[in-house]
Amino acid sequence: MSVAVVPLAAKFGWSSSFLGIVQSSFLWGYIFSSVIGGALVDKYGGKKVLAWGVALWSLSTLLTPWAATHSTASLLAVRAFFGLAEGVAMPAMSTLTSRWFPSHERASAIGICMGGFHLGNVVGLLLTPIMLSTIGISGPFILFSSLGLLWLSTWTSKVTNDPCNSPFVSKSELRLIQAGKSDSVKKRNPPSLRHLLSKLPSWTVIIANITNNWGYFVLLSWMPIYFNTVFNVNLKQAAWFSAVPWGTMAVSGYMAGKASDSLIKAGYSLTLVRKIMQSIGFIGPGVSLLCLNYAKSPAVAAVLITIALSLSSFSQAGYLLNIQIAQDFSTALQIQQEH
């Protein structure tokens, strides 16, 4: 949408301020579904909730160009519904990774999962200009909604909520996954929202997520527009400049996860490792984005944004591993997805 919104704005004569409203409408739904999604995942399991989420956000993607043509209200409603559907992804991912990966590999697992998020941005940024120029505005929306439904049909036939129920997991693999997990934790009921909000670690995660996601979604929504308007590059070039940082972030996030797991295996305190990763994930991007004010060319700007997002990915081995706070009830902690 960050690329397609440029020709949409030109076609319908949107002002910069209204363009910002369109971009932010996704978050209107995303805010609420993070909490709702966490509760649904705790009740129905990550597989079912994520499957419904993918189906609904694929449908929303397909309807977006129609909604833009129909009316402003329709467009904003579809975008908000898109966010509402996609917001369940993080709670579902948290509970599935906590069940499918042993404790000492969770940072790497999160790195792999988030790498998929970032590579999706790369694919979208690179393919959208091509689809726009060859098929038209509806092209990328049809393609990506179709890919979502295709992925869904394959994923649902292979994945289970718990590795215990999977025919693809051997007994030795199951023992490895369950290593270090406490039976007493598994048998407890999920904590109440009031209980979670009474704990300082929960608020720490909430504030960290607000801080991280403010920068993440600003860059995700506005990067192509930034290159297009500030440096006067065409849409295809802007997409390429925007894709490189996300591709690098996918790799650096995995490396951060591996480094985190290695430090923990080496005997370093879990809390210390999380703090180190989170410090890198905040200080590094902050300095890089301050330097962005002095960029005089799109290449320099792309380098600085790449550094910022690469270092930001270390947060995936910091606050994002909220599963360390509540173990199997980590989905309840997805309240911190409110931006």
Protein backbone atom coordinates (compact mmCIF):
# COMPACT_ATOMS: atom_id res chain seq x y z
CA MET A 1 0.00 0.00 0.00
CA SER A 2 2.92 2.37 0.67
CA VAL A 3 3.74 2.22 -3.07
CA ALA A 4 0.23 1.89 -4.51
CA VAL A 5 -0.96 4.86 -2.48
CA VAL A 6 1.09 7.20 -4.71
CA PRO A 7 -0.89 6.55 -7.93
CA LEU A 8 -4.09 6.29 -5.89
CA ALA A 9 -3.45 9.75 -4.46
CA ALA A 10 -2.74 11.13 -7.93
CA LYS A 11 -5.86 9.53 -9.39
CA PHE A 12 -8.25 10.74 -6.70
CA GLY A 13 -6.54 14.03 -5.89
CA TRP A 14 -5.76 13.25 -2.26
CA SER A 15 -3.93 15.86 -0.24
CA SER A 16 -0.88 14.96 1.84
CA SER A 17 -2.92 15.16 5.02
CA PHE A 18 -5.62 12.83 3.69
CA LEU A 19 -2.95 10.47 2.41
CA GLY A 20 -1.73 10.28 6.00
CA ILE A 21 -5.24 9.41 7.15
CA VAL A 22 -5.42 6.60 4.59
CA GLN A 23 -2.06 5.24 5.71
CA SER A 24 -2.97 5.40 9.39
CA SER A 25 -6.41 3.81 8.96
CA PHE A 26 -4.74 0.40 8.93
CA LEU A 27 -3.65 1.00 12.52
CA TRP A 28 -7.16 1.88 13.68
CA GLY A 29 -8.09 -1.78 13.48
CA TYR A 30 -4.65 -3.12 14.31
CA ILE A 31 -4.70 -1.45 17.73
CA PHE A 32 -7.75 -3.36 18.90
CA SER A 33 -7.15 -6.74 17.32
CA SER A 34 -3.85 -7.16 19.15
CA VAL A 35 -5.79 -7.40 22.42
CA ILE A 36 -8.74 -9.26 20.94
CA GLY A 37 -6.42 -11.56 19.01
CA GLY A 38 -4.49 -12.46 22.14
CA ALA A 39 -7.67 -13.51 23.92
CA LEU A 40 -8.86 -15.48 20.89
CA VAL A 41 -5.53 -17.28 20.57
CA ASP A 42 -5.61 -18.23 24.24
CA LYS A 43 -9.08 -19.70 23.71
CA TYR A 44 -8.95 -21.23 20.22
CA GLY A 45 -5.25 -21.66 19.49
CA GLY A 46 -2.84 -19.86 17.20
CA LYS A 47 -3.55 -21.92 14.09
CA LYS A 48 -7.26 -21.20 13.82
CA VAL A 49 -6.95 -17.51 14.69
CA LEU A 50 -4.06 -16.91 12.30
CA ALA A 51 -5.86 -18.78 9.53
CA TRP A 52 -8.93 -16.58 9.88
CA GLY A 53 -6.73 -13.52 10.06
CA VAL A 54 -4.93 -14.35 6.81
CA ALA A 55 -8.21 -15.12 5.05
CA LEU A 56 -9.79 -11.85 6.13
CA TRP A 57 -6.82 -9.61 5.43
CA SER A 58 -6.44 -11.24 2.00
CA LEU A 59 -10.08 -10.39 1.33
CA SER A 60 -9.47 -6.83 2.53
CA THR A 61 -6.51 -6.53 0.19
CA LEU A 62 -8.65 -7.63 -2.74
CA LEU A 63 -11.37 -5.10 -1.86
CA THR A 64 -9.05 -2.10 -1.41
CA PRO A 65 -9.04 -0.74 -5.01
CA TRP A 66 -12.81 -1.19 -5.24
CA ALA A 67 -13.26 0.65 -1.95
CA ALA A 68 -11.03 3.52 -3.12
CA THR A 69 -13.21 3.93 -6.21
CA HIS A 70 -16.48 3.60 -4.31
CA SER A 71 -16.03 6.15 -1.52
CA THR A 72 -13.64 7.55 1.04
CA ALA A 73 -15.57 5.93 3.88
CA SER A 74 -15.38 2.53 2.17
CA LEU A 75 -11.63 2.82 1.71
CA LEU A 76 -11.00 3.77 5.33
CA ALA A 77 -13.31 1.00 6.54
CA VAL A 78 -11.57 -1.64 4.42
CA ARG A 79 -8.13 -0.47 5.54
CA ALA A 80 -9.22 -0.50 9.19
CA PHE A 81 -10.65 -4.00 8.72
CA PHE A 82 -7.35 -5.03 7.13
CA GLY A 83 -5.55 -3.88 10.27
CA LEU A 84 -8.10 -5.62 12.47
CA ALA A 85 -7.45 -8.90 10.66
CA GLU A 86 -3.67 -8.56 10.56
CA GLY A 87 -3.38 -7.62 14.22
CA VAL A 88 -3.93 -11.24 15.26
CA ALA A 89 -0.70 -12.31 13.55
CA MET A 90 1.61 -11.32 16.39
CA PRO A 91 -0.37 -13.01 19.19
CA ALA A 92 -0.67 -16.15 17.09
CA MET A 93 3.03 -16.10 16.25
CA SER A 94 3.97 -15.68 19.91
CA THR A 95 2.01 -18.68 21.10
CA LEU A 96 3.00 -20.91 18.19
CA THR A 97 6.71 -20.18 18.59
CA SER A 98 6.51 -20.72 22.36
CA ARG A 99 5.01 -24.16 21.74
CA TRP A 100 7.03 -25.22 18.72
CA PHE A 101 10.53 -24.13 19.74
CA PRO A 102 12.62 -25.01 22.79
CA SER A 103 13.32 -22.16 25.19
CA HIS A 104 16.95 -21.75 24.13
CA GLU A 105 15.99 -21.29 20.45
CA ARG A 106 13.12 -18.83 20.78
CA ALA A 107 15.09 -15.71 19.87
CA SER A 108 16.23 -17.41 16.66
CA ALA A 109 12.67 -18.54 15.99
CA ILE A 110 11.35 -15.01 16.37
CA GLY A 111 14.15 -13.82 14.08
CA ILE A 112 13.04 -16.27 11.40
CA CYS A 113 9.37 -15.35 11.75
CA MET A 114 10.01 -11.63 11.66
CA GLY A 115 12.39 -12.17 8.75
CA GLY A 116 9.36 -13.37 6.84
CA PHE A 117 7.54 -10.15 7.72
CA HIS A 118 10.41 -8.03 6.41
CA LEU A 119 10.98 -10.10 3.26
CA GLY A 120 7.29 -9.69 2.55
CA ASN A 121 7.88 -5.94 2.55
CA VAL A 122 10.72 -6.43 0.07
CA VAL A 123 8.60 -8.51 -2.29
CA GLY A 124 5.73 -6.06 -2.06
CA LEU A 125 7.92 -3.04 -2.72
CA LEU A 126 9.62 -4.62 -5.74
CA LEU A 127 6.58 -6.20 -7.38
CA THR A 128 4.05 -3.43 -6.83
CA PRO A 129 5.56 -0.89 -9.29
CA ILE A 130 5.77 -3.61 -11.94
CA MET A 131 2.16 -4.62 -11.40
CA LEU A 132 1.00 -1.01 -11.42
CA SER A 133 2.69 -0.30 -14.74
CA THR A 134 1.56 -3.51 -16.47
CA ILE A 135 -1.88 -4.32 -15.05
CA GLY A 136 -3.00 -1.18 -13.28
CA ILE A 137 -3.89 -0.18 -9.75
CA SER A 138 -5.84 -3.39 -9.08
CA GLY A 139 -2.91 -5.60 -10.10
CA PRO A 140 -0.88 -5.76 -6.88
CA PHE A 141 -3.97 -6.12 -4.73
CA ILE A 142 -5.20 -9.11 -6.74
CA LEU A 143 -1.75 -10.71 -6.71
CA PHE A 144 -1.09 -10.38 -2.99
CA SER A 145 -4.57 -11.44 -1.92
CA SER A 146 -4.21 -14.54 -4.12
CA LEU A 147 -0.81 -15.34 -2.64
CA GLY A 148 -2.25 -15.02 0.86
CA LEU A 149 -5.02 -17.49 0.14
CA LEU A 150 -2.60 -19.88 -1.60
CA TRP A 151 -0.26 -19.81 1.40
CA LEU A 152 -3.22 -20.36 3.72
CA SER A 153 -4.38 -23.49 1.90
CA THR A 154 -0.93 -25.04 2.28
CA TRP A 155 -0.15 -23.89 5.82
CA THR A 156 -3.39 -25.08 7.41
CA SER A 157 -2.82 -28.62 6.14
CA LYS A 158 0.65 -28.86 7.69
CA VAL A 159 0.56 -26.98 11.01
CA THR A 160 -0.96 -27.88 14.38
CA ASN A 161 -1.34 -25.76 17.50
CA ASP A 162 0.95 -28.06 19.43
CA PRO A 163 3.84 -30.21 18.15
CA CYS A 164 2.43 -33.09 20.21
CA ASN A 165 -0.37 -33.36 17.65
CA SER A 166 1.80 -33.10 14.54
CA PRO A 167 2.52 -36.24 12.49
CA PHE A 168 5.71 -34.59 11.22
CA VAL A 169 7.42 -34.32 14.63
CA SER A 170 9.44 -37.27 15.91
CA LYS A 171 9.66 -38.25 19.57
CA SER A 172 13.23 -36.97 19.81
CA GLU A 173 12.22 -33.62 18.32
CA LEU A 174 9.31 -33.40 20.73
CA ARG A 175 11.60 -34.01 23.70
CA LEU A 176 13.90 -31.25 22.46
CA ILE A 177 11.02 -28.80 22.08
CA GLN A 178 9.66 -29.56 25.52
CA ALA A 179 13.05 -29.28 27.22
CA GLY A 180 12.95 -26.70 29.99
CA LYS A 181 9.18 -26.25 29.89
CA SER A 182 7.34 -26.44 33.18
CA ASP A 183 4.23 -28.61 33.46
CA SER A 184 2.93 -26.35 36.19
CA VAL A 185 3.03 -23.40 33.82
CA LYS A 186 1.10 -25.30 31.18
CA LYS A 187 -1.72 -26.19 33.56
CA ARG A 188 -2.38 -22.70 34.90
CA ASN A 189 -5.16 -20.55 33.54
CA PRO A 190 -4.15 -17.44 31.58
CA PRO A 191 -3.66 -14.37 33.79
CA SER A 192 -6.33 -11.69 33.74
CA LEU A 193 -5.79 -8.39 31.96
CA ARG A 194 -5.95 -6.55 35.28
CA HIS A 195 -3.24 -8.80 36.70
CA LEU A 196 -0.99 -8.21 33.69
CA LEU A 197 -1.44 -4.45 33.85
CA SER A 198 -0.50 -4.44 37.52
CA LYS A 199 2.98 -5.75 36.69
CA LEU A 200 5.92 -3.52 35.78
CA PRO A 201 7.34 -5.97 33.18
CA SER A 202 4.07 -5.77 31.24
CA TRP A 203 4.27 -1.98 31.11
CA THR A 204 7.90 -2.21 30.09
CA VAL A 205 6.91 -4.33 27.10
CA ILE A 206 4.00 -2.02 26.27
CA ILE A 207 6.16 1.11 26.25
CA ALA A 208 8.95 -0.59 24.31
CA ASN A 209 6.48 -1.75 21.68
CA ILE A 210 4.92 1.69 21.33
CA THR A 211 8.38 3.18 20.85
CA ASN A 212 9.55 0.54 18.38
CA ASN A 213 6.38 0.37 16.32
CA TRP A 214 6.05 4.12 16.00
CA GLY A 215 9.26 4.16 13.99
CA TYR A 216 8.55 0.86 12.24
CA PHE A 217 5.16 1.82 10.85
CA VAL A 218 6.20 5.36 9.95
CA LEU A 219 9.01 3.95 7.81
CA LEU A 220 6.84 1.17 6.41
CA SER A 221 4.09 3.57 5.38
CA TRP A 222 6.11 6.55 4.22
CA MET A 223 9.49 5.38 2.94
CA PRO A 224 8.61 5.19 -0.79
CA ILE A 225 6.80 8.52 -0.54
CA TYR A 226 9.84 10.01 1.23
CA PHE A 227 12.19 9.01 -1.59
CA ASN A 228 9.67 10.06 -4.23
CA THR A 229 8.99 13.52 -2.83
CA VAL A 230 12.25 14.51 -1.10
CA PHE A 231 14.68 13.24 -3.73
CA ASN A 232 12.36 13.32 -6.77
CA VAL A 233 13.07 9.73 -7.80
CA ASN A 234 10.43 7.84 -9.76
CA LEU A 235 8.18 5.29 -8.07
CA LYS A 236 10.15 2.25 -9.22
CA GLN A 237 13.44 3.72 -7.96
CA ALA A 238 11.78 4.75 -4.70
CA ALA A 239 10.59 1.18 -4.24
CA TRP A 240 14.11 -0.18 -4.76
CA PHE A 241 15.61 2.30 -2.30
CA SER A 242 12.91 1.30 0.18
CA ALA A 243 13.29 -2.45 -0.33
CA VAL A 244 16.98 -2.68 0.56
CA PRO A 245 16.55 -1.70 4.25
CA TRP A 246 13.80 -4.28 4.78
CA GLY A 247 15.85 -7.03 3.17
CA THR A 248 18.80 -6.21 5.38
CA MET A 249 16.54 -6.12 8.42
CA ALA A 250 15.38 -9.67 7.71
CA VAL A 251 18.98 -10.91 7.87
CA SER A 252 20.06 -8.80 10.83
CA GLY A 253 17.02 -9.86 12.85
CA TYR A 254 17.96 -13.51 12.48
CA MET A 255 21.58 -12.72 13.38
CA ALA A 256 20.41 -10.85 16.49
CA GLY A 257 18.33 -13.85 17.52
CA LYS A 258 21.24 -16.25 17.05
CA ALA A 259 23.54 -13.93 19.01
CA SER A 260 21.00 -13.68 21.81
CA ASP A 261 20.57 -17.45 22.05
CA SER A 262 24.34 -17.95 21.96
CA LEU A 263 24.90 -15.51 24.82
CA ILE A 264 22.24 -17.24 26.92
CA LYS A 265 23.75 -20.66 26.20
CA ALA A 266 27.15 -19.25 27.21
CA GLY A 267 25.75 -18.50 30.67
CA TYR A 268 24.91 -14.81 30.46
CA SER A 269 21.87 -13.63 32.37
CA LEU A 270 18.64 -13.73 30.37
CA THR A 271 17.73 -10.26 31.63
CA LEU A 272 21.14 -8.85 30.71
CA VAL A 273 20.97 -10.29 27.19
CA ARG A 274 17.49 -8.89 26.63
CA LYS A 275 18.61 -5.45 27.86
CA ILE A 276 21.66 -5.46 25.59
CA MET A 277 19.60 -6.38 22.55
CA GLN A 278 16.94 -3.81 23.34
CA SER A 279 19.50 -1.07 23.91
CA ILE A 280 21.01 -1.73 20.49
CA GLY A 281 17.51 -1.83 19.01
CA PHE A 282 16.67 1.65 20.30
CA ILE A 283 19.92 3.63 20.43
CA GLY A 284 21.22 2.53 17.03
CA PRO A 285 18.12 3.49 15.02
CA GLY A 286 17.74 6.73 16.97
CA VAL A 287 21.23 7.92 16.03
CA SER A 288 20.83 6.77 12.41
CA LEU A 289 17.53 8.57 11.92
CA LEU A 290 18.95 11.76 13.41
CA CYS A 291 21.72 11.59 10.81
CA LEU A 292 19.06 11.15 8.11
CA ASN A 293 18.30 14.87 8.43
CA TYR A 294 21.65 15.58 6.77
CA ALA A 295 21.32 13.13 3.85
CA LYS A 296 21.79 14.92 0.53
CA SER A 297 21.20 12.01 -1.84
CA PRO A 298 18.84 9.02 -1.99
CA ALA A 299 21.79 6.62 -1.74
CA VAL A 300 23.00 8.15 1.53
CA ALA A 301 19.44 8.21 2.86
CA ALA A 302 18.99 4.54 1.95
CA VAL A 303 22.21 3.62 3.76
CA LEU A 304 21.15 5.44 6.92
CA ILE A 305 17.66 3.92 6.87
CA THR A 306 19.21 0.49 6.28
CA ILE A 307 21.43 0.94 9.33
CA ALA A 308 18.44 2.13 11.36
CA LEU A 309 16.23 -0.82 10.48
CA SER A 310 19.05 -3.35 10.78
CA LEU A 311 19.80 -2.22 14.32
CA SER A 312 16.10 -1.92 15.09
CA SER A 313 15.76 -5.64 14.41
CA PHE A 314 17.71 -6.31 17.62
CA SER A 315 14.49 -5.41 19.43
CA GLN A 316 13.15 -8.73 18.20
CA ALA A 317 15.54 -10.35 20.68
CA GLY A 318 14.51 -7.81 23.31
CA TYR A 319 10.97 -6.71 24.11
CA LEU A 320 9.39 -8.88 21.41
CA LEU A 321 10.33 -11.99 23.34
CA ASN A 322 7.58 -11.25 25.84
CA ILE A 323 7.09 -15.00 26.06
CA GLN A 324 9.78 -14.87 28.75
CA ILE A 325 7.36 -12.92 30.97
CA ALA A 326 4.34 -15.20 30.82
CA GLN A 327 5.60 -18.30 28.99
CA ASP A 328 2.64 -20.11 27.35
CA PHE A 329 0.32 -17.20 28.14
CA SER A 330 2.32 -14.74 26.08
CA THR A 331 -0.65 -14.04 23.82
CA ALA A 332 -2.34 -12.17 26.63
CA LEU A 333 0.60 -9.80 26.60
CA GLN A 334 -0.18 -8.74 23.05
CA ILE A 335 -1.94 -5.72 24.50
CA GLN A 336 1.40 -4.01 23.98
CA GLN A 337 0.72 -4.05 20.25
CA GLU A 338 -1.31 -0.87 20.75
CA HIS A 339 0.71 1.83 19.04
